[in-house]
Amino acid sequence: MRRTSFARWPCSIARTMDLLGDQWTLLVLREAFHGVRRFDQFQAALGIARNTLTERLDRLTGAGLLARVRYQDRPARYEYPLTEMGRDFFPALAAIIRWGDTWLDGGAGPPALLHHLDCDHPTEAAVNCARCGVELTADRVRFEPGPGLATVEGHR
């Protein structure tokens, strides 16, 4: 069965989910943020099938979140460092971590903490207004049409 593509929907959530919305892709990115760079390291950390990992690395390099850098010629082997675009995903990943720690920890507490190097304290993500600095919550924002909205029948 062919997967429905959301890549051209006029919705940033749909387009992002089209790229990142399977059970392995965010875990590959998590490992990249932990410093994993090589295929065998990703595979060992995740216990992921080779073909699945190859597909996810191809998707992430094709989209520009990871680079593919040769580190050995014979046989050809590559590293997959985060690009600027990939590093820019960190706040979203941190927000997902915060949500999971709040709602899915089963009462045990977070399985890992984010330690902020600048202030030397554990921290968590907070999504704040870029204009006034106040935390964004669902009851304090509204969605409005943006300049990238295309009129597409049946898509919101």
Protein backbone atom coordinates (compact mmCIF):
# COMPACT_ATOMS: atom_id res chain seq x y z
CA MET A 1 0.00 0.00 0.00
CA ARG A 2 1.38 3.39 -0.98
CA ARG A 3 1.72 6.07 1.68
CA THR A 4 -0.17 9.34 1.19
CA SER A 5 2.26 12.22 0.70
CA PHE A 6 1.67 15.44 2.59
CA ALA A 7 4.77 17.12 1.09
CA ARG A 8 2.76 19.62 -0.97
CA TRP A 9 -0.02 20.33 1.51
CA PRO A 10 -0.29 24.00 2.54
CA CYS A 11 0.44 23.09 6.17
CA SER A 12 3.79 23.13 7.96
CA ILE A 13 2.70 20.31 10.29
CA ALA A 14 1.67 18.09 7.37
CA ARG A 15 4.90 18.76 5.44
CA THR A 16 7.04 18.11 8.53
CA MET A 17 5.18 14.89 9.30
CA ASP A 18 5.66 13.80 5.70
CA LEU A 19 9.42 14.03 6.27
CA LEU A 20 9.76 13.02 9.92
CA GLY A 21 6.55 11.23 10.87
CA ASP A 22 7.53 7.58 11.15
CA GLN A 23 8.75 5.61 14.15
CA TRP A 24 12.46 5.69 13.21
CA THR A 25 13.28 9.12 11.78
CA LEU A 26 13.13 11.10 15.03
CA LEU A 27 15.18 8.39 16.74
CA VAL A 28 17.86 8.69 14.06
CA LEU A 29 17.89 12.45 14.67
CA ARG A 30 18.05 11.88 18.43
CA GLU A 31 21.17 9.76 17.95
CA ALA A 32 22.69 12.41 15.69
CA PHE A 33 22.20 14.95 18.50
CA HIS A 34 23.96 12.47 20.82
CA GLY A 35 26.97 12.62 18.49
CA VAL A 36 26.39 9.45 16.46
CA ARG A 37 27.70 9.91 12.91
CA ARG A 38 28.39 6.51 11.36
CA PHE A 39 26.01 3.91 9.95
CA ASP A 40 27.17 1.11 12.26
CA GLN A 41 26.85 3.40 15.30
CA PHE A 42 23.25 4.31 14.38
CA GLN A 43 22.45 0.65 13.84
CA ALA A 44 23.99 -0.44 17.15
CA ALA A 45 22.30 2.37 19.12
CA LEU A 46 18.86 1.76 17.66
CA GLY A 47 18.77 -1.94 16.74
CA ILE A 48 17.33 -0.85 13.41
CA ALA A 49 17.35 -2.99 10.25
CA ARG A 50 20.03 -1.98 7.71
CA ASN A 51 17.52 -1.32 4.93
CA THR A 52 15.34 0.82 7.20
CA LEU A 53 18.34 2.82 8.42
CA THR A 54 19.57 3.31 4.85
CA GLU A 55 16.15 4.65 3.85
CA ARG A 56 15.98 7.06 6.82
CA LEU A 57 19.54 8.34 6.27
CA ASP A 58 18.78 8.84 2.57
CA ARG A 59 15.59 10.74 3.47
CA LEU A 60 17.35 12.96 6.02
CA THR A 61 20.32 13.69 3.74
CA GLY A 62 18.03 14.33 0.77
CA ALA A 63 15.99 16.79 2.83
CA GLY A 64 19.12 18.54 4.09
CA LEU A 65 19.01 17.68 7.83
CA LEU A 66 22.08 15.44 7.65
CA ALA A 67 25.12 15.65 5.37
CA ARG A 68 26.76 12.59 3.81
CA VAL A 69 30.55 12.87 4.18
CA ARG A 70 32.94 10.16 2.98
CA TYR A 71 35.49 9.21 5.62
CA GLN A 72 36.91 6.07 3.95
CA ASP A 73 37.51 5.13 0.31
CA ARG A 74 37.87 1.33 0.30
CA PRO A 75 35.22 0.36 0.96
CA ALA A 76 33.38 3.66 0.66
CA ARG A 77 32.05 4.65 4.09
CA TYR A 78 30.25 7.79 5.17
CA GLU A 79 29.50 9.87 8.21
CA TYR A 80 26.18 11.67 8.65
CA PRO A 81 26.69 14.89 10.63
CA LEU A 82 23.86 17.30 11.33
CA THR A 83 23.65 20.27 8.98
CA GLU A 84 22.57 23.76 10.02
CA MET A 85 19.01 22.77 9.08
CA GLY A 86 19.31 19.62 11.20
CA ARG A 87 20.73 21.49 14.21
CA ASP A 88 17.87 23.98 13.88
CA PHE A 89 15.45 21.10 14.60
CA PHE A 90 16.75 20.79 18.18
CA PRO A 91 14.17 23.11 19.80
CA ALA A 92 11.37 21.02 18.29
CA LEU A 93 13.00 17.82 19.56
CA ALA A 94 13.44 19.40 23.01
CA ALA A 95 9.73 20.32 23.04
CA ILE A 96 8.84 16.71 22.19
CA ILE A 97 11.10 15.53 25.03
CA ARG A 98 9.38 17.91 27.47
CA TRP A 99 5.93 16.70 26.43
CA GLY A 100 6.96 13.03 26.71
CA ASP A 101 8.56 13.63 30.12
CA THR A 102 5.36 15.31 31.33
CA TRP A 103 2.79 12.88 29.97
CA LEU A 104 4.46 9.55 29.16
CA ASP A 105 6.98 8.87 31.93
CA GLY A 106 4.65 6.58 33.90
CA GLY A 107 5.54 8.44 37.08
CA ALA A 108 9.20 7.40 36.95
CA GLY A 109 10.56 10.79 35.93
CA PRO A 110 12.46 11.72 32.79
CA PRO A 111 14.75 9.01 31.37
CA ALA A 112 17.29 11.71 30.44
CA LEU A 113 17.78 15.35 31.38
CA LEU A 114 18.82 18.27 29.23
CA HIS A 115 21.69 20.05 30.98
CA HIS A 116 22.19 23.64 29.82
CA LEU A 117 25.92 24.25 29.47
CA ASP A 118 25.67 28.06 29.72
CA CYS A 119 24.08 28.12 33.20
CA ASP A 120 25.19 24.60 34.24
CA HIS A 121 21.69 23.48 35.28
CA PRO A 122 19.15 20.90 34.12
CA THR A 123 16.49 22.49 31.93
CA GLU A 124 13.50 21.80 29.72
CA ALA A 125 12.15 23.33 26.56
CA ALA A 126 9.80 26.30 26.68
CA VAL A 127 8.24 27.72 23.54
CA ASN A 128 8.03 31.48 23.89
CA CYS A 129 6.77 34.29 21.69
CA ALA A 130 9.64 35.65 19.59
CA ARG A 131 8.22 39.20 20.03
CA CYS A 132 7.33 39.50 23.75
CA GLY A 133 8.94 36.41 25.33
CA VAL A 134 5.73 35.09 26.94
CA GLU A 135 5.25 31.31 26.79
CA LEU A 136 3.03 30.14 23.92
CA THR A 137 0.01 28.08 24.94
CA ALA A 138 -2.94 26.85 22.89
CA ASP A 139 -5.35 29.27 24.56
CA ARG A 140 -3.09 32.28 23.90
CA VAL A 141 -2.57 31.94 20.13
CA ARG A 142 -4.75 31.68 17.06
CA PHE A 143 -3.95 30.38 13.61
CA GLU A 144 -4.22 32.89 10.75
CA PRO A 145 -3.61 32.48 7.03
CA GLY A 146 0.01 33.09 6.08
CA PRO A 147 1.66 34.15 2.84
CA GLY A 148 2.47 30.54 1.90
CA LEU A 149 -1.12 29.33 2.04
CA ALA A 150 -2.26 27.94 -1.28
CA THR A 151 -5.93 27.45 -1.88
CA VAL A 152 -6.19 23.68 -2.21
CA GLU A 153 -9.62 22.09 -2.08
CA GLY A 154 -9.99 19.78 0.91
CA HIS A 155 -6.77 20.79 2.74
CA ARG A 156 -6.59 23.00 5.82
